[in-house]
Amino acid sequence: MKHEKFSSIVERELLLHDENSGKKSQLTVAIGTPYWTEINFEAACPIALYGYHGRLADIRGIDPLSALSLAIQFQESLLLGLPKNLTVLWPNGERYFEE
């Protein structure tokens, strides 16, 4: 498992709004290049939610495409599972998830 900072291949800039305090902070979703952990057996993909969780454990899949797909799904599930007082917003202030 790699925990050092990684070079991302895609990023999404969002805002995290704490409805209890009214504070808004930057939230960056970053996904790195998938890589083989063991050729033709398992791959992994770096992922981070900077501004909330930070660097997370690499997401594992059966090949690099699977690992990338699972990383994208995982970041969405993390954002959906935030505490009720935290709302994810697009940079323009609109809600990221529709209610």
Protein backbone atom coordinates (compact mmCIF):
# COMPACT_ATOMS: atom_id res chain seq x y z
CA MET A 1 0.00 0.00 0.00
CA LYS A 2 1.43 3.37 -1.03
CA HIS A 3 0.83 6.30 1.30
CA GLU A 4 3.13 8.93 -0.19
CA LYS A 5 1.72 11.75 -2.25
CA PHE A 6 0.94 10.68 -5.80
CA SER A 7 0.62 12.39 -9.14
CA SER A 8 -3.07 12.52 -10.04
CA ILE A 9 -4.45 11.83 -13.49
CA VAL A 10 -7.79 13.46 -12.67
CA GLU A 11 -8.98 15.86 -10.00
CA ARG A 12 -12.30 17.44 -9.12
CA GLU A 13 -12.48 20.63 -7.09
CA LEU A 14 -15.48 20.87 -4.79
CA LEU A 15 -16.53 22.67 -1.63
CA LEU A 16 -17.41 21.10 1.70
CA HIS A 17 -20.04 23.08 3.62
CA ASP A 18 -20.39 22.47 7.36
CA GLU A 19 -23.98 23.48 8.05
CA ASN A 20 -23.34 23.61 11.83
CA SER A 21 -20.58 26.24 11.60
CA GLY A 22 -21.45 27.75 8.21
CA LYS A 23 -17.83 27.22 7.14
CA LYS A 24 -16.99 26.24 3.56
CA SER A 25 -13.67 24.62 2.72
CA GLN A 26 -12.02 23.26 -0.39
CA LEU A 27 -12.40 19.56 -1.11
CA THR A 28 -10.26 18.00 -3.85
CA VAL A 29 -10.97 14.52 -5.15
CA ALA A 30 -7.78 13.11 -6.70
CA ILE A 31 -7.30 9.81 -8.51
CA GLY A 32 -3.89 8.57 -9.62
CA THR A 33 -2.60 6.23 -12.28
CA PRO A 34 -3.63 2.60 -11.75
CA TYR A 35 -0.71 0.18 -11.52
CA TRP A 36 -0.17 -3.55 -11.35
CA THR A 37 0.64 -4.87 -7.87
CA GLU A 38 1.14 -8.31 -9.38
CA ILE A 39 1.05 -8.65 -13.17
CA ASN A 40 -2.14 -10.28 -14.47
CA PHE A 41 -3.38 -10.84 -10.91
CA GLU A 42 -4.13 -7.57 -9.09
CA ALA A 43 -3.90 -3.84 -9.71
CA ALA A 44 -4.38 -0.80 -7.49
CA CYS A 45 -5.31 2.84 -7.94
CA PRO A 46 -4.29 5.75 -5.69
CA ILE A 47 -7.09 7.96 -4.35
CA ALA A 48 -7.38 10.95 -2.03
CA LEU A 49 -10.03 13.31 -0.69
CA TYR A 50 -7.87 16.30 0.25
CA GLY A 51 -9.71 18.58 2.63
CA TYR A 52 -11.46 15.71 4.43
CA HIS A 53 -9.91 12.21 4.52
CA GLY A 54 -6.63 13.00 2.77
CA ARG A 55 -4.72 10.16 1.15
CA LEU A 56 -6.54 6.84 1.36
CA ALA A 57 -5.45 3.25 0.85
CA ASP A 58 -5.12 2.36 -2.81
CA ILE A 59 -8.22 0.74 -4.28
CA ARG A 60 -7.64 -2.80 -5.55
CA GLY A 61 -9.05 -4.45 -8.66
CA ILE A 62 -8.40 -7.38 -10.97
CA ASP A 63 -6.67 -5.13 -13.52
CA PRO A 64 -5.85 -1.41 -13.87
CA LEU A 65 -9.22 -0.56 -15.47
CA SER A 66 -11.09 -2.34 -12.70
CA ALA A 67 -9.04 -0.54 -10.03
CA LEU A 68 -9.73 2.84 -11.67
CA SER A 69 -13.45 2.14 -11.97
CA LEU A 70 -13.66 1.00 -8.35
CA ALA A 71 -11.74 4.10 -7.19
CA ILE A 72 -14.27 6.36 -8.93
CA GLN A 73 -17.18 4.46 -7.36
CA PHE A 74 -15.51 4.52 -3.94
CA GLN A 75 -14.99 8.29 -3.91
CA GLU A 76 -18.66 8.83 -4.79
CA SER A 77 -19.77 6.52 -1.97
CA LEU A 78 -17.50 8.34 0.49
CA LEU A 79 -19.02 11.68 -0.49
CA LEU A 80 -22.55 10.27 -0.19
CA GLY A 81 -21.73 8.88 3.26
CA LEU A 82 -20.51 12.12 4.86
CA PRO A 83 -22.14 13.18 8.14
CA LYS A 84 -25.51 14.90 7.68
CA ASN A 85 -24.14 18.33 8.64
CA LEU A 86 -21.65 18.25 5.74
CA THR A 87 -22.86 19.15 2.25
CA VAL A 88 -20.77 18.75 -0.90
CA LEU A 89 -21.06 21.68 -3.30
CA TRP A 90 -19.80 22.51 -6.76
CA PRO A 91 -17.45 25.53 -6.80
CA ASN A 92 -20.40 27.74 -7.87
CA GLY A 93 -22.27 26.80 -4.68
CA GLU A 94 -24.79 24.39 -6.20
CA ARG A 95 -25.32 21.05 -4.47
CA TYR A 96 -23.16 18.23 -5.82
CA PHE A 97 -25.83 15.62 -5.12
CA GLU A 98 -29.46 16.30 -5.89
CA GLU A 99 -31.88 15.61 -3.09
